[in-house]
Protein backbone atom coordinates (compact mmCIF):
# COMPACT_ATOMS: atom_id res chain seq x y z
CA MET A 1 -118.83 -106.48 -160.22
CA PHE A 2 -118.46 -102.72 -160.38
CA ASP A 3 -115.25 -100.91 -161.33
CA ASP A 4 -114.89 -97.12 -161.20
CA LYS A 5 -111.83 -97.45 -163.43
CA TYR A 6 -114.20 -98.17 -166.33
CA GLY A 7 -116.49 -95.21 -165.87
CA GLY A 8 -118.72 -97.04 -163.42
CA LEU A 9 -119.60 -99.75 -165.95
CA THR A 10 -120.01 -103.32 -164.85
CA LEU A 11 -118.22 -105.88 -167.00
CA ASP A 12 -121.62 -106.98 -168.32
CA GLU A 13 -122.40 -103.40 -169.39
CA ALA A 14 -118.99 -103.05 -171.04
CA ALA A 15 -119.55 -106.34 -172.85
CA GLU A 16 -122.93 -105.11 -174.06
CA LYS A 17 -121.34 -101.96 -175.50
CA ALA A 18 -118.63 -104.08 -177.13
CA GLY A 19 -121.12 -106.47 -178.65
CA GLY A 20 -120.62 -109.20 -176.12
CA TYR A 21 -116.84 -109.42 -175.87
CA VAL A 22 -114.61 -107.84 -173.25
CA ASP A 23 -110.88 -108.28 -172.76
CA TYR A 24 -110.64 -107.37 -169.08
CA ASN A 25 -107.26 -106.17 -167.88
CA PRO A 26 -107.38 -103.81 -164.88
CA ASN A 27 -103.96 -102.40 -165.77
CA ARG A 28 -105.08 -100.69 -168.97
CA SER A 29 -108.00 -98.70 -170.32
CA LEU A 30 -111.02 -100.47 -171.76
CA ILE A 31 -111.16 -99.68 -175.47
CA ILE A 32 -114.12 -100.69 -177.61
CA ASP A 33 -113.04 -100.11 -181.20
CA ALA A 34 -115.56 -102.10 -183.23
CA ASP A 35 -119.15 -103.31 -183.24
CA TYR A 36 -118.35 -106.92 -182.47
CA ARG A 37 -122.00 -107.95 -182.25
CA ALA A 38 -122.61 -106.81 -185.85
CA MET A 39 -119.33 -108.44 -186.93
CA SER A 40 -120.34 -111.74 -185.34
CA LYS A 41 -123.76 -111.64 -186.98
CA TYR A 42 -122.17 -110.90 -190.37
CA CYS A 43 -119.74 -113.81 -189.98
CA ILE A 44 -122.52 -116.21 -189.03
CA GLU A 45 -124.58 -115.12 -192.04
CA LYS A 46 -121.57 -115.55 -194.37
CA GLY A 47 -120.46 -118.81 -192.74
CA ILE A 48 -116.96 -117.51 -192.00
CA LYS A 49 -114.84 -116.96 -188.91
CA PRO A 50 -113.96 -113.39 -187.82
CA VAL A 51 -110.27 -114.15 -188.39
CA ASP A 52 -111.10 -114.80 -192.07
CA LEU A 53 -112.59 -111.34 -192.71
CA THR A 54 -110.84 -109.29 -195.33
CA ASP A 55 -109.45 -105.92 -194.25
CA GLU A 56 -112.29 -104.24 -196.13
CA GLU A 57 -114.92 -106.35 -194.35
CA TYR A 58 -113.30 -105.81 -190.93
CA ASN A 59 -113.05 -102.05 -191.42
CA ARG A 60 -116.82 -101.87 -191.96
CA PHE A 61 -117.30 -102.65 -188.27
CA LEU A 62 -114.79 -100.19 -186.80
CA TYR A 63 -116.11 -97.16 -184.93
CA ASP A 64 -114.99 -93.75 -186.22
CA GLU A 65 -113.93 -92.96 -182.67
CA PRO A 66 -113.27 -95.84 -180.25
CA LEU A 67 -115.09 -95.82 -176.93
CA ILE A 68 -112.43 -95.47 -174.23
CA TYR A 69 -113.02 -96.00 -170.54
CA ALA A 70 -109.89 -95.03 -168.60
């Protein structure tokens, strides 16, 4: 699948940049705001779920500037 709306990225490529997770909605821009692959690895190592991260832990994985594909 190829979508010019997302800068020519396939959904697989967008997922790779997002760390393996993509919330696809063709009616809005694709925004990748955190390194979800690193967050997932951290949670597995700590034996916790992502929803249980503290704000401080979560903020460690946020990008300074989100990647936006309009």
